[in-house]
Amino acid sequence: MADPDTIRTVVGIIGNVISFFLFLSPGPTFVKILKAKSVMEFKPDPYIATVLNCAVWVFYGMPFVHPDSLLVITINGFGLAIELLYVSIFFIYSDWSKRQKIIIALIVEAVFMAILIFVTLTFLHGTKDRSMLIGIVAIVFNVIMYTSPLTVMKKVITTKSVKYMPFYLSLANFANGIVWACYALLKFDPYILIPNGLGSLSGLVQLILFAAFYRTTNWDEDEKEVELSTSKSTKSDV
């Protein structure tokens, strides 16, 4: 029989694989944006929130904060890189007012991380105290990441259309939350368990909304909107 540490490592690897696909799941959305050369009605909120979330978790996984957390560092390091790419694409194809909001959000996140790292390394000594502080902060921002699609969910309910709520992102969020919650339970880690338990619930709600409003979504308008956005972009370049 495998020991708990081995099982936890295996579950953590599975979690890394699912998280890998979670970070890649918005790919179809960004293909649409690149084709249209416009962000259309898509929102950058989930991706901006995930940038900060990944940065906090990378710091949490450092040996001088929370030892034996290599799997946490690897997947969140990859996530940080891919989310910055997504935000960059949003920035390129947004108008100036949206660009200003993205710049302000990223500056605030960078300043916050700098302060958090300074306070942790200067005033807290020992991994127990550091883990507790960064763990609590990680919970807060993980919850923000998982609840950031609420603006999209509100749009789904009011328009009865799931066109702008990426299905694969919702599915990956649900699966990711379940696996990492199991990982946290094997060697009880409330800082990982709480946000991922909420994440699985958030993903489930999104999937329910997708199923409820799939039939009322006018998918034919999708291609027309891409063509219209492409046409406008082409004219503006002339």
Protein backbone atom coordinates (compact mmCIF):
# COMPACT_ATOMS: atom_id res chain seq x y z
CA MET A 1 0.00 0.00 0.00
CA ALA A 2 1.34 3.43 -0.95
CA ASP A 3 2.15 5.81 1.89
CA PRO A 4 0.21 9.10 2.23
CA ASP A 5 3.14 11.21 1.01
CA THR A 6 3.38 9.21 -2.22
CA ILE A 7 -0.39 9.44 -2.80
CA ARG A 8 -0.25 13.18 -2.14
CA THR A 9 2.58 13.59 -4.64
CA VAL A 10 0.61 11.66 -7.29
CA VAL A 11 -2.51 13.76 -6.65
CA GLY A 12 -0.35 16.88 -6.79
CA ILE A 13 1.02 15.84 -10.19
CA ILE A 14 -2.52 15.21 -11.43
CA GLY A 15 -3.42 18.64 -10.06
CA ASN A 16 -0.52 20.16 -11.97
CA VAL A 17 -1.71 18.53 -15.21
CA ILE A 18 -5.29 19.77 -14.71
CA SER A 19 -4.06 23.23 -13.71
CA PHE A 20 -1.89 23.25 -16.84
CA PHE A 21 -5.01 22.74 -18.98
CA LEU A 22 -6.89 25.25 -16.80
CA PHE A 23 -4.39 27.94 -17.71
CA LEU A 24 -4.54 26.96 -21.39
CA SER A 25 -8.34 26.60 -21.50
CA PRO A 26 -9.00 30.25 -22.48
CA GLY A 27 -7.08 29.58 -25.72
CA PRO A 28 -10.21 29.55 -27.97
CA THR A 29 -11.26 32.91 -26.52
CA PHE A 30 -7.93 34.47 -27.43
CA VAL A 31 -8.02 32.93 -30.89
CA LYS A 32 -11.30 34.83 -31.42
CA ILE A 33 -9.73 38.02 -30.10
CA LEU A 34 -6.69 37.66 -32.36
CA LYS A 35 -8.88 36.96 -35.41
CA ALA A 36 -11.17 39.91 -34.70
CA LYS A 37 -8.35 42.18 -33.52
CA SER A 38 -10.79 43.23 -30.81
CA VAL A 39 -11.64 42.05 -27.29
CA MET A 40 -15.35 42.42 -28.19
CA GLU A 41 -17.39 41.85 -25.00
CA PHE A 42 -14.81 39.64 -23.29
CA LYS A 43 -13.54 40.91 -19.94
CA PRO A 44 -9.92 40.81 -18.66
CA ASP A 45 -11.00 40.62 -14.99
CA PRO A 46 -10.40 36.85 -14.48
CA TYR A 47 -6.93 37.02 -16.05
CA ILE A 48 -5.80 40.08 -14.10
CA ALA A 49 -7.02 38.46 -10.88
CA THR A 50 -5.20 35.22 -11.75
CA VAL A 51 -1.89 37.08 -12.27
CA LEU A 52 -1.87 38.18 -8.63
CA ASN A 53 -3.19 34.83 -7.45
CA CYS A 54 -0.35 32.93 -9.15
CA ALA A 55 2.27 35.38 -7.89
CA VAL A 56 1.12 34.91 -4.28
CA TRP A 57 1.10 31.11 -4.61
CA VAL A 58 4.60 31.06 -6.12
CA PHE A 59 5.79 33.01 -3.08
CA TYR A 60 3.85 30.69 -0.75
CA GLY A 61 5.62 27.66 -2.24
CA MET A 62 9.13 29.01 -1.68
CA PRO A 63 11.24 26.87 0.73
CA PHE A 64 11.72 29.82 3.11
CA VAL A 65 7.92 30.27 3.33
CA HIS A 66 6.35 26.80 3.03
CA PRO A 67 8.81 23.91 2.52
CA ASP A 68 8.04 20.85 0.36
CA SER A 69 5.80 22.79 -2.04
CA LEU A 70 7.65 22.36 -5.33
CA LEU A 71 4.47 21.32 -7.17
CA VAL A 72 2.79 24.53 -6.04
CA ILE A 73 5.67 26.61 -7.43
CA THR A 74 5.93 24.85 -10.80
CA ILE A 75 2.30 25.11 -11.83
CA ASN A 76 1.76 28.63 -10.53
CA GLY A 77 4.98 29.80 -12.16
CA PHE A 78 3.66 28.54 -15.49
CA GLY A 79 0.28 30.08 -14.72
CA LEU A 80 1.83 33.47 -13.99
CA ALA A 81 3.62 33.47 -17.36
CA ILE A 82 0.57 32.43 -19.41
CA GLU A 83 -1.79 34.85 -17.62
CA LEU A 84 0.60 37.74 -18.31
CA LEU A 85 0.45 36.71 -21.98
CA TYR A 86 -3.35 36.79 -21.91
CA VAL A 87 -3.39 40.21 -20.25
CA SER A 88 -0.91 41.48 -22.86
CA ILE A 89 -3.25 40.36 -25.66
CA PHE A 90 -6.16 42.13 -23.95
CA PHE A 91 -4.02 45.25 -23.64
CA ILE A 92 -3.06 45.25 -27.32
CA TYR A 93 -6.63 44.87 -28.61
CA SER A 94 -8.44 47.10 -26.11
CA ASP A 95 -9.27 50.79 -26.39
CA TRP A 96 -7.36 53.32 -24.30
CA SER A 97 -9.86 53.45 -21.41
CA LYS A 98 -9.60 49.69 -20.91
CA ARG A 99 -5.82 49.84 -21.25
CA GLN A 100 -5.67 52.40 -18.45
CA LYS A 101 -7.62 50.07 -16.15
CA ILE A 102 -5.29 47.16 -16.98
CA ILE A 103 -2.17 49.29 -16.31
CA ILE A 104 -3.52 50.55 -12.98
CA ALA A 105 -4.52 47.03 -11.90
CA LEU A 106 -1.07 45.59 -12.72
CA ILE A 107 0.75 48.44 -10.95
CA VAL A 108 -1.38 47.94 -7.84
CA GLU A 109 -0.66 44.20 -7.92
CA ALA A 110 3.10 44.75 -8.33
CA VAL A 111 3.21 47.22 -5.42
CA PHE A 112 1.17 44.87 -3.26
CA MET A 113 3.53 41.93 -3.96
CA ALA A 114 6.58 44.08 -3.19
CA ILE A 115 5.11 45.13 0.17
CA LEU A 116 4.03 41.56 0.98
CA ILE A 117 7.49 40.13 0.25
CA PHE A 118 9.22 42.90 2.23
CA VAL A 119 6.98 42.48 5.30
CA THR A 120 7.24 38.68 5.24
CA LEU A 121 11.03 38.48 4.93
CA THR A 122 11.75 41.40 7.26
CA PHE A 123 9.37 40.92 10.15
CA LEU A 124 8.50 37.21 10.14
CA HIS A 125 11.08 34.60 11.07
CA GLY A 126 10.38 30.90 10.55
CA THR A 127 8.29 29.08 8.01
CA LYS A 128 5.31 28.62 10.33
CA ASP A 129 4.56 32.33 10.69
CA ARG A 130 5.39 33.05 7.05
CA SER A 131 3.16 30.19 5.85
CA MET A 132 0.26 31.48 7.92
CA LEU A 133 0.48 35.06 6.61
CA ILE A 134 1.01 34.15 2.94
CA GLY A 135 -1.52 31.32 3.23
CA ILE A 136 -4.23 33.70 4.44
CA VAL A 137 -3.38 36.20 1.69
CA ALA A 138 -3.38 33.36 -0.87
CA ILE A 139 -6.84 32.28 0.28
CA VAL A 140 -8.18 35.81 -0.19
CA PHE A 141 -6.80 36.19 -3.71
CA ASN A 142 -7.68 32.65 -4.73
CA VAL A 143 -11.27 33.43 -3.76
CA ILE A 144 -11.05 36.66 -5.81
CA MET A 145 -9.77 34.66 -8.78
CA TYR A 146 -12.59 32.15 -8.52
CA THR A 147 -15.27 34.81 -8.02
CA SER A 148 -13.96 37.14 -10.76
CA PRO A 149 -16.20 35.39 -13.35
CA LEU A 150 -19.21 36.72 -11.38
CA THR A 151 -19.32 39.72 -13.74
CA VAL A 152 -19.54 37.28 -16.65
CA MET A 153 -22.14 35.13 -14.86
CA LYS A 154 -24.29 38.22 -14.30
CA LYS A 155 -24.11 38.94 -18.04
CA VAL A 156 -25.12 35.34 -18.78
CA ILE A 157 -28.21 35.60 -16.58
CA THR A 158 -29.31 38.99 -17.94
CA THR A 159 -28.75 38.15 -21.63
CA LYS A 160 -29.60 34.43 -21.35
CA SER A 161 -26.50 33.80 -23.45
CA VAL A 162 -23.29 31.91 -22.58
CA LYS A 163 -21.39 33.18 -25.62
CA TYR A 164 -18.94 35.15 -23.48
CA MET A 165 -18.49 32.57 -20.71
CA PRO A 166 -15.79 30.12 -21.91
CA PHE A 167 -17.02 26.56 -21.27
CA TYR A 168 -13.56 24.96 -21.05
CA LEU A 169 -12.40 27.52 -18.49
CA SER A 170 -15.44 26.75 -16.32
CA LEU A 171 -14.90 23.00 -16.65
CA ALA A 172 -11.19 23.29 -15.87
CA ASN A 173 -11.94 25.49 -12.84
CA PHE A 174 -14.29 22.85 -11.47
CA ALA A 175 -11.89 19.92 -12.01
CA ASN A 176 -8.93 21.94 -10.72
CA GLY A 177 -10.74 22.86 -7.51
CA ILE A 178 -11.74 19.24 -6.83
CA VAL A 179 -8.24 17.79 -7.32
CA TRP A 180 -6.40 20.43 -5.28
CA ALA A 181 -8.99 20.13 -2.49
CA CYS A 182 -8.20 16.39 -2.37
CA TYR A 183 -4.46 17.21 -2.36
CA ALA A 184 -4.98 19.51 0.64
CA LEU A 185 -7.00 16.90 2.54
CA LEU A 186 -4.29 14.21 2.25
CA LYS A 187 -1.92 16.31 4.36
CA PHE A 188 -4.32 18.81 5.83
CA ASP A 189 -3.52 22.25 4.46
CA PRO A 190 -6.41 24.68 5.05
CA TYR A 191 -4.72 27.36 2.95
CA ILE A 192 -5.06 25.17 -0.14
CA LEU A 193 -8.32 23.45 0.86
CA ILE A 194 -10.53 26.50 1.49
CA PRO A 195 -10.00 28.40 -1.78
CA ASN A 196 -10.06 25.28 -3.94
CA GLY A 197 -13.23 24.04 -2.26
CA LEU A 198 -14.82 27.38 -3.14
CA GLY A 199 -13.26 27.15 -6.61
CA SER A 200 -14.92 23.83 -7.32
CA LEU A 201 -18.25 25.32 -6.20
CA SER A 202 -17.74 28.36 -8.45
CA GLY A 203 -16.91 26.11 -11.40
CA LEU A 204 -20.00 24.01 -10.74
CA VAL A 205 -22.24 27.09 -10.74
CA GLN A 206 -20.73 28.21 -14.06
CA LEU A 207 -21.35 24.76 -15.59
CA ILE A 208 -24.96 24.83 -14.39
CA LEU A 209 -25.44 28.25 -15.98
CA PHE A 210 -23.88 26.99 -19.21
CA ALA A 211 -26.29 24.06 -19.31
CA ALA A 212 -29.27 26.28 -18.44
CA PHE A 213 -28.65 28.95 -21.09
CA TYR A 214 -26.91 26.98 -23.85
CA ARG A 215 -30.12 26.60 -25.89
CA THR A 216 -31.06 30.28 -25.63
CA THR A 217 -27.64 31.41 -26.92
CA ASN A 218 -27.58 32.76 -30.48
CA TRP A 219 -24.33 31.21 -31.72
CA ASP A 220 -24.88 32.47 -35.29
CA GLU A 221 -24.09 36.02 -34.17
CA ASP A 222 -20.62 34.95 -33.07
CA GLU A 223 -19.07 34.71 -36.54
CA LYS A 224 -20.85 37.90 -37.67
CA GLU A 225 -19.39 39.79 -34.72
CA VAL A 226 -15.88 38.55 -35.48
CA GLU A 227 -16.28 39.58 -39.13
CA LEU A 228 -17.62 43.01 -38.12
CA SER A 229 -14.77 43.58 -35.65
CA THR A 230 -12.22 42.49 -38.25
CA SER A 231 -13.75 44.85 -40.80
CA LYS A 232 -13.62 47.80 -38.38
CA SER A 233 -10.03 46.98 -37.47
CA THR A 234 -9.01 46.83 -41.13
CA LYS A 235 -10.63 50.20 -41.85
CA SER A 236 -8.92 51.82 -38.89
CA ASP A 237 -5.53 50.56 -40.12
CA VAL A 238 -5.98 52.16 -43.55
